[in-house]
Amino acid sequence: MLTSVMGNTPKVGQYIQDCKRMGIEVLPPDINKSYSTFTVEEGKIRFGLAAVKNVGVNMIETMVQTRKEKGEFISFSDFCQKVDAKDLNKRAVESLIKCGAFDSLKIYRAQLMGVYESLLDSINQDKRRKIQGQLGLFDMTGDTSFSFKKDPLPNIKEFDDKIKLNMEKEILGLYISGHPLAEFQQELKYFTSMNSSTINEIMENPQETEHKDGEKIIVGGMVLEKVTKTTRNNKLMAFIVLEDLLGTMECIIFPNIFSQHMDLIQEGNLIIIEGTLSLKDEENPKILTNTIKPLTKMQTQKLYIKIKEKSDMVLLHKAKNICKKYHGNVPLYIYIEKDNKVLRADRDLWVKLNHDLIQELSQIFGKESVKIK
C-alpha cells in the first residue's frame, strides 16, 4: 500500500500514521537496510529510499547492488568509495544525511553535514586519479583494507531533536524518528475531545459517523500552515492546518478570534482550540474556532470550582469523589461565592485535567462554575 503512493507525500504520511495507530513500527531510511520501495523487516516497515527527496532511481539501484556485492557500508567514506561516482551527487547525499539514513553508522548528522562535501570531493578526486593510472590516495601503503573504516569527523555535538525532526520533515515530508508533540502526548490525550484520526474517519465515511454538524469539540496540536484572508469588512481571518500526533485537520479562525490571538496563530506554535465541528455536504470536515490557548501553559494551570456556600456538603462530596477518580498534580481551588473566599483543596484532591473530568464537574456545578486558569 505504501509503495503504491510513494510519489504522494501526504498519502505516505497518512498511511504511516495508520501503521502507528495499529502498532506497526515504521523504521527510518537506512543505507544498509533500505531498498527502493517500502519493505517488511522483522514485522516492521522499513522506509523506502525512493520516497526520499532528491534521491534518484539510479543512485538507489547502485547502492543496493553495491551493498549486495561488497557487503554493508561500514562508514560514510566507505559508502562514498564503494558507490559509483557517476551516481553520487551532493544533493542526494545531503538528503540521506538529513533524513537519518546514515544514523546506524553511529555518526552524528551534524558531523556529516560539516564534512560530507569535502569528503565526497576528496574521494571522487582519488577515484579519477586511479582511473587515469596515477597513484591513488592510499596506494603508497600498498594496503587499502583500513582506508575507509573511520571517517575524519569534527568533534561537535549532534543537532538537537527539533532540528533533526525538521530535517526529516523537509526531506521525507513527515517526522520519522519522533514528533515535536511527543512530550505533550498526555496533555493532548487529556485536554482534547477529538483528534485528526477521528476527523479523517468522518471525511472518509460521512454517512456512518455519529458526530454531528455544530458539535462542540476540543482539538490540539501544532500550527503547520497558516493562510490569512481579508474579509469584505476589511478584517483579517485565518485558515490553519493543525497537526497532532495522528495527522492534520483544518481550522477556520474568524476575525474576532484572530485579532485576539494573532501571536498564538503562528506556524510551529502548539495550541489548544475549542470550537464547533463543521460538517457540510461535499466539503471536508472543518473546525470553527471559538477559543485558542497555548498548549504549553496547560501544564501549569489550576482548576477552580465555584459553590454558593460552604455548607453545601452534598455538592462538595460529589466533587471530592470525582476528583479522587482523576487524581493528579493540578491544584484544585474551591471558590465560596457567599463568603468571597478561595480555599485550596488538600493534595490528595488535586487532579489530572482532562475533558471527562471537566464534563462531570460541569454536570454537577454548571459549566460556568468550573474554570481552568
Protein backbone atom coordinates (compact mmCIF):
# COMPACT_ATOMS: atom_id res chain seq x y z
CA MET A 1 0.00 0.00 0.00
CA LEU A 2 2.76 2.45 0.96
CA THR A 3 4.77 1.65 -2.16
CA SER A 4 1.77 2.46 -4.38
CA VAL A 5 1.67 6.07 -3.10
CA MET A 6 5.41 6.80 -2.84
CA GLY A 7 5.08 9.88 -5.03
CA ASN A 8 2.28 11.29 -2.88
CA THR A 9 3.86 12.60 0.34
CA PRO A 10 0.56 13.40 2.13
CA LYS A 11 -0.72 9.88 1.40
CA VAL A 12 2.55 8.32 2.58
CA GLY A 13 2.24 10.31 5.80
CA GLN A 14 -1.38 9.23 6.27
CA TYR A 15 -0.57 5.54 5.75
CA ILE A 16 2.39 5.73 8.12
CA GLN A 17 0.16 7.26 10.78
CA ASP A 18 -2.30 4.40 10.16
CA CYS A 19 0.55 1.93 10.73
CA LYS A 20 1.48 3.62 14.01
CA ARG A 21 -2.14 3.52 15.18
CA MET A 22 -2.16 -0.23 14.50
CA GLY A 23 1.05 -0.66 16.49
CA ILE A 24 3.23 -1.28 13.43
CA GLU A 25 6.63 0.40 13.81
CA VAL A 26 7.96 2.31 10.79
CA LEU A 27 11.77 2.27 10.61
CA PRO A 28 13.70 5.22 9.11
CA PRO A 29 15.61 5.10 5.81
CA ASP A 30 18.94 3.29 6.17
CA ILE A 31 21.76 2.95 3.62
CA ASN A 32 22.39 -0.64 4.76
CA LYS A 33 18.80 -1.83 5.17
CA SER A 34 16.50 0.14 2.86
CA TYR A 35 15.56 -0.75 -0.70
CA SER A 36 13.84 1.39 -3.30
CA THR A 37 10.36 0.53 -2.01
CA PHE A 38 8.96 0.11 1.48
CA THR A 39 9.82 -3.34 2.80
CA VAL A 40 8.90 -5.57 5.75
CA GLU A 41 11.72 -6.13 8.24
CA GLU A 42 11.08 -8.39 11.24
CA GLY A 43 7.43 -7.40 11.42
CA LYS A 44 8.23 -3.71 10.98
CA ILE A 45 8.13 -1.49 7.90
CA ARG A 46 11.38 -0.06 6.55
CA PHE A 47 11.14 3.30 4.79
CA GLY A 48 11.84 3.10 1.04
CA LEU A 49 14.65 5.19 -0.47
CA ALA A 50 12.54 6.19 -3.48
CA ALA A 51 10.40 8.25 -1.07
CA VAL A 52 13.46 10.29 -0.01
CA LYS A 53 13.56 13.71 -1.66
CA ASN A 54 16.37 14.26 -4.24
CA VAL A 55 17.49 10.59 -4.27
CA GLY A 56 17.21 9.20 -7.80
CA VAL A 57 16.48 5.70 -9.06
CA ASN A 58 19.99 5.16 -10.50
CA MET A 59 21.65 6.01 -7.20
CA ILE A 60 19.34 3.69 -5.29
CA GLU A 61 19.92 0.78 -7.68
CA THR A 62 23.68 1.30 -7.49
CA MET A 63 23.61 1.47 -3.68
CA VAL A 64 21.59 -1.72 -3.34
CA GLN A 65 23.69 -3.62 -5.90
CA THR A 66 26.96 -2.44 -4.35
CA ARG A 67 25.73 -3.49 -0.92
CA LYS A 68 24.83 -6.91 -2.30
CA GLU A 69 28.22 -7.43 -3.96
CA LYS A 70 30.59 -5.82 -1.44
CA GLY A 71 28.72 -6.03 1.86
CA GLU A 72 27.27 -3.37 4.11
CA PHE A 73 28.84 0.08 4.28
CA ILE A 74 30.97 0.49 7.41
CA SER A 75 31.48 4.26 7.28
CA PHE A 76 30.45 7.32 5.30
CA SER A 77 33.79 7.26 3.45
CA ASP A 78 33.30 3.57 2.69
CA PHE A 79 29.89 4.40 1.22
CA CYS A 80 31.35 7.16 -0.99
CA GLN A 81 34.24 4.93 -2.08
CA LYS A 82 32.13 1.89 -3.00
CA VAL A 83 29.23 3.60 -4.78
CA ASP A 84 29.98 4.59 -8.38
CA ALA A 85 30.91 8.28 -8.57
CA LYS A 86 28.61 8.92 -11.53
CA ASP A 87 25.60 8.01 -9.41
CA LEU A 88 26.62 10.09 -6.38
CA ASN A 89 25.63 13.73 -6.13
CA LYS A 90 25.91 16.09 -3.19
CA ARG A 91 22.23 16.98 -3.12
CA ALA A 92 21.19 13.34 -2.77
CA VAL A 93 23.87 12.60 -0.16
CA GLU A 94 22.75 15.63 1.87
CA SER A 95 19.16 14.36 1.79
CA LEU A 96 20.27 10.94 3.04
CA ILE A 97 22.15 12.59 5.91
CA LYS A 98 19.23 14.83 6.85
CA CYS A 99 16.67 12.02 6.97
CA GLY A 100 18.93 9.85 9.14
CA ALA A 101 19.92 7.21 6.59
CA PHE A 102 23.49 7.17 7.99
CA ASP A 103 22.44 7.14 11.67
CA SER A 104 23.05 3.39 12.01
CA LEU A 105 26.77 4.04 11.41
CA LYS A 106 26.81 5.83 14.80
CA ILE A 107 27.72 9.16 13.21
CA TYR A 108 26.08 12.44 14.17
CA ARG A 109 24.15 14.15 11.41
CA ALA A 110 25.81 17.41 12.49
CA GLN A 111 29.26 15.88 11.90
CA LEU A 112 28.37 14.64 8.43
CA MET A 113 26.73 17.91 7.42
CA GLY A 114 30.02 19.63 8.27
CA VAL A 115 32.31 17.43 6.16
CA TYR A 116 30.31 15.49 3.56
CA GLU A 117 31.11 17.84 0.68
CA SER A 118 34.89 17.87 1.26
CA LEU A 119 34.97 14.10 1.86
CA LEU A 120 32.97 13.43 -1.27
CA ASP A 121 35.21 15.73 -3.34
CA SER A 122 38.38 14.10 -2.00
CA ILE A 123 37.21 10.54 -2.60
CA ASN A 124 35.86 11.28 -6.08
CA GLN A 125 39.13 13.02 -6.98
CA ASP A 126 41.02 9.95 -5.81
CA LYS A 127 38.77 7.73 -7.94
CA ARG A 128 39.54 9.84 -11.01
CA ARG A 129 43.29 9.64 -10.39
CA LYS A 130 43.12 5.88 -10.12
CA ILE A 131 41.17 5.64 -13.35
CA GLN A 132 43.85 7.76 -15.03
CA GLY A 133 46.52 5.29 -13.87
CA GLN A 134 48.09 7.57 -11.28
CA LEU A 135 48.85 6.75 -7.66
CA GLY A 136 45.75 6.75 -5.52
CA LEU A 137 45.46 8.42 -2.19
CA PHE A 138 46.26 5.19 -0.32
CA ASP A 139 48.40 3.33 -2.89
CA MET A 140 51.66 4.34 -1.18
CA THR A 141 50.97 1.94 1.68
CA GLY A 142 50.02 -0.96 -0.54
CA ASP A 143 47.11 -1.68 1.81
CA THR A 144 43.63 -0.23 1.41
CA SER A 145 41.84 -2.54 3.82
CA PHE A 146 41.73 0.05 6.60
CA SER A 147 41.32 3.14 4.46
CA PHE A 148 37.62 3.80 4.88
CA LYS A 149 36.82 2.20 8.21
CA LYS A 150 36.79 5.53 10.02
CA ASP A 151 35.69 8.97 8.92
CA PRO A 152 37.68 12.16 9.67
CA LEU A 153 34.86 13.82 11.60
CA PRO A 154 34.78 17.12 13.50
CA ASN A 155 34.36 16.93 17.28
CA ILE A 156 30.98 18.66 17.51
CA LYS A 157 27.68 17.99 19.24
CA GLU A 158 24.70 16.46 17.49
CA PHE A 159 21.81 18.65 16.35
CA ASP A 160 19.03 18.92 18.91
CA ASP A 161 15.90 16.84 18.32
CA LYS A 162 13.92 19.77 16.94
CA ILE A 163 16.46 20.41 14.17
CA LYS A 164 16.65 16.71 13.29
CA LEU A 165 12.87 16.41 13.14
CA ASN A 166 12.65 19.49 10.91
CA MET A 167 15.23 17.92 8.58
CA GLU A 168 13.17 14.75 8.36
CA LYS A 169 10.05 16.77 7.62
CA GLU A 170 11.90 18.65 4.86
CA ILE A 171 13.25 15.51 3.17
CA LEU A 172 10.57 12.89 3.86
CA GLY A 173 7.53 15.11 4.22
CA LEU A 174 6.93 13.71 7.71
CA TYR A 175 8.61 13.07 11.05
CA ILE A 176 10.09 9.60 11.38
CA SER A 177 12.32 9.44 14.49
CA GLY A 178 9.90 11.29 16.76
CA HIS A 179 7.46 14.20 16.77
CA PRO A 180 7.60 17.77 18.17
CA LEU A 181 4.38 16.98 20.03
CA ALA A 182 5.64 13.77 21.63
CA GLU A 183 6.35 15.40 25.01
CA PHE A 184 2.76 16.71 25.07
CA GLN A 185 1.14 13.35 24.32
CA GLN A 186 -0.57 13.16 27.71
CA GLU A 187 -1.80 16.76 27.53
CA LEU A 188 -3.32 16.13 24.10
CA LYS A 189 -4.97 12.98 25.40
CA TYR A 190 -6.49 14.64 28.46
CA PHE A 191 -7.32 18.14 27.24
CA THR A 192 -8.89 17.31 23.86
CA SER A 193 -12.13 15.59 22.92
CA MET A 194 -11.28 14.78 19.29
CA ASN A 195 -8.19 14.16 17.17
CA SER A 196 -7.31 14.25 13.49
CA SER A 197 -7.80 10.50 13.11
CA THR A 198 -11.48 10.83 14.04
CA ILE A 199 -11.88 13.79 11.69
CA ASN A 200 -10.31 11.81 8.83
CA GLU A 201 -12.68 8.91 9.56
CA ILE A 202 -15.60 11.33 9.28
CA MET A 203 -14.21 12.56 5.96
CA GLU A 204 -13.86 9.04 4.58
CA ASN A 205 -17.24 7.76 5.84
CA PRO A 206 -19.53 10.79 6.28
CA GLN A 207 -22.72 8.72 6.22
CA GLU A 208 -21.59 6.39 9.01
CA THR A 209 -20.36 8.89 11.59
CA GLU A 210 -22.17 9.57 14.87
CA HIS A 211 -20.71 13.07 15.04
CA LYS A 212 -22.96 15.99 14.13
CA ASP A 213 -22.56 19.34 12.43
CA GLY A 214 -22.19 22.03 15.12
CA GLU A 215 -20.86 19.61 17.75
CA LYS A 216 -18.67 21.25 20.40
CA ILE A 217 -15.14 19.82 20.30
CA ILE A 218 -11.64 20.49 21.62
CA VAL A 219 -8.57 19.74 19.50
CA GLY A 220 -4.88 20.42 19.92
CA GLY A 221 -1.62 20.32 18.05
CA MET A 222 0.99 22.30 16.15
CA VAL A 223 0.18 25.01 13.61
CA LEU A 224 1.53 23.50 10.40
CA GLU A 225 0.26 26.03 7.86
CA LYS A 226 -1.49 29.39 8.03
CA VAL A 227 -3.23 31.39 5.31
CA THR A 228 -4.73 34.79 6.12
CA LYS A 229 -7.51 36.46 4.15
CA THR A 230 -9.18 39.84 4.29
CA THR A 231 -12.97 39.83 4.67
CA ARG A 232 -15.40 42.18 2.95
CA ASN A 233 -15.30 44.28 6.11
CA ASN A 234 -11.54 44.63 5.65
CA LYS A 235 -10.76 42.43 8.66
CA LEU A 236 -8.26 39.57 8.82
CA MET A 237 -9.23 35.94 9.34
CA ALA A 238 -7.15 32.78 9.06
CA PHE A 239 -7.29 29.23 7.77
CA ILE A 240 -4.83 26.94 9.52
CA VAL A 241 -3.76 23.33 9.27
CA LEU A 242 -3.34 21.89 12.75
CA GLU A 243 -1.17 18.79 13.12
CA ASP A 244 -1.46 16.39 16.04
CA LEU A 245 0.27 13.04 16.58
CA LEU A 246 -2.10 11.25 14.20
CA GLY A 247 -2.43 13.62 11.24
CA THR A 248 -3.81 17.02 10.29
CA MET A 249 -7.10 18.95 10.44
CA GLU A 250 -8.40 22.24 9.07
CA CYS A 251 -9.43 25.08 11.37
CA ILE A 252 -11.11 28.37 10.48
CA ILE A 253 -10.42 31.40 12.66
CA PHE A 254 -12.80 34.31 12.16
CA PRO A 255 -11.77 37.97 12.61
CA ASN A 256 -12.90 38.45 16.22
CA ILE A 257 -10.90 35.42 17.40
CA PHE A 258 -7.99 36.12 15.06
CA SER A 259 -7.50 39.65 16.40
CA GLN A 260 -7.31 38.32 19.98
CA HIS A 261 -4.81 35.55 19.29
CA MET A 262 -2.59 36.71 16.42
CA ASP A 263 0.54 35.89 18.44
CA LEU A 264 -0.58 32.29 19.01
CA ILE A 265 -1.57 31.62 15.40
CA GLN A 266 1.97 31.26 14.07
CA GLU A 267 3.46 28.28 12.25
CA GLY A 268 5.19 25.96 14.70
CA ASN A 269 3.18 27.09 17.74
CA LEU A 270 1.48 24.47 19.93
CA ILE A 271 -2.13 25.32 20.72
CA ILE A 272 -5.45 24.02 22.04
CA ILE A 273 -8.59 25.03 20.12
CA GLU A 274 -12.15 24.90 21.40
CA GLY A 275 -14.68 25.15 18.61
CA THR A 276 -17.51 23.58 16.68
CA LEU A 277 -17.35 20.84 14.10
CA SER A 278 -18.47 21.89 10.63
CA LEU A 279 -19.84 19.03 8.51
CA LYS A 280 -21.13 20.28 5.18
CA ASP A 281 -22.06 18.25 2.12
CA GLU A 282 -19.20 17.85 -0.37
CA GLU A 283 -16.77 19.62 1.98
CA ASN A 284 -14.03 18.22 4.19
CA PRO A 285 -14.74 18.49 7.94
CA LYS A 286 -13.54 21.75 9.47
CA ILE A 287 -13.29 23.23 12.94
CA LEU A 288 -14.79 26.67 13.52
CA THR A 289 -12.64 28.20 16.26
CA ASN A 290 -14.15 29.75 19.39
CA THR A 291 -11.14 30.00 21.72
CA ILE A 292 -7.39 29.39 21.48
CA LYS A 293 -4.93 28.59 24.29
CA PRO A 294 -1.22 27.78 24.26
CA LEU A 295 -0.66 24.07 24.80
CA THR A 296 2.48 24.66 26.87
CA LYS A 297 0.55 26.60 29.52
CA MET A 298 -1.94 23.79 30.06
CA GLN A 299 0.67 22.05 32.24
CA THR A 300 0.74 24.89 34.82
CA GLN A 301 -2.96 25.66 35.17
CA LYS A 302 -5.28 25.30 38.16
CA LEU A 303 -8.85 24.06 38.49
CA TYR A 304 -11.47 26.28 40.17
CA ILE A 305 -14.95 25.21 41.28
CA LYS A 306 -17.47 27.83 42.39
CA ILE A 307 -20.11 26.97 45.00
CA LYS A 308 -22.68 29.22 46.66
CA GLU A 309 -21.79 28.45 50.27
CA LYS A 310 -19.52 26.21 52.29
CA SER A 311 -22.42 24.34 53.87
CA ASP A 312 -23.40 22.82 50.52
CA MET A 313 -21.89 19.49 51.56
CA VAL A 314 -23.72 17.32 49.01
CA LEU A 315 -22.09 19.04 46.07
CA LEU A 316 -18.71 19.12 47.78
CA HIS A 317 -18.93 15.39 48.49
CA LYS A 318 -19.69 14.70 44.83
CA ALA A 319 -16.75 16.88 43.78
CA LYS A 320 -14.47 15.02 46.17
CA ASN A 321 -15.36 11.63 44.68
CA ILE A 322 -14.89 12.85 41.11
CA CYS A 323 -11.53 14.49 41.86
CA LYS A 324 -10.22 11.34 43.51
CA LYS A 325 -11.12 9.42 40.37
CA TYR A 326 -8.97 11.80 38.31
CA HIS A 327 -6.15 12.23 40.83
CA GLY A 328 -3.13 14.15 39.52
CA ASN A 329 -0.83 17.14 40.03
CA VAL A 330 -3.11 20.08 39.16
CA PRO A 331 -4.19 22.08 42.25
CA LEU A 332 -7.93 22.30 42.98
CA TYR A 333 -9.41 25.51 44.40
CA ILE A 334 -12.94 26.00 45.76
CA TYR A 335 -14.44 29.49 45.45
CA ILE A 336 -17.18 30.11 48.03
CA GLU A 337 -19.35 32.81 46.49
CA LYS A 338 -21.24 33.81 49.67
CA ASP A 339 -18.04 34.39 51.68
CA ASN A 340 -15.97 35.57 48.69
CA LYS A 341 -13.22 33.15 49.74
CA VAL A 342 -10.94 30.79 47.84
CA LEU A 343 -9.79 27.59 49.54
CA ARG A 344 -7.11 25.27 48.19
CA ALA A 345 -8.03 21.59 48.44
CA ASP A 346 -5.76 19.05 50.11
CA ARG A 347 -3.07 17.46 47.93
CA ASP A 348 -4.98 14.17 47.67
CA LEU A 349 -7.78 16.02 45.84
CA TRP A 350 -5.54 17.51 43.16
CA VAL A 351 -6.46 16.33 39.68
CA LYS A 352 -5.25 15.33 36.27
CA LEU A 353 -7.04 17.72 33.91
CA ASN A 354 -8.94 16.18 31.05
CA HIS A 355 -12.14 16.58 29.08
CA ASP A 356 -14.08 13.90 31.02
CA LEU A 357 -13.27 15.46 34.39
CA ILE A 358 -14.48 18.89 33.28
CA GLN A 359 -17.66 17.39 31.83
CA GLU A 360 -18.51 15.51 35.04
CA LEU A 361 -17.90 18.53 37.25
CA SER A 362 -19.87 20.79 34.88
CA GLN A 363 -22.89 18.49 35.08
CA ILE A 364 -22.95 18.96 38.87
CA PHE A 365 -21.91 22.58 39.33
CA GLY A 366 -22.79 24.05 35.93
CA LYS A 367 -20.41 24.92 33.12
CA GLU A 368 -19.90 28.50 34.34
CA SER A 369 -18.84 27.29 37.79
CA VAL A 370 -15.94 25.11 36.59
CA LYS A 371 -12.94 27.02 35.28
CA ILE A 372 -9.34 26.25 34.35
CA LYS A 373 -6.98 29.21 34.86
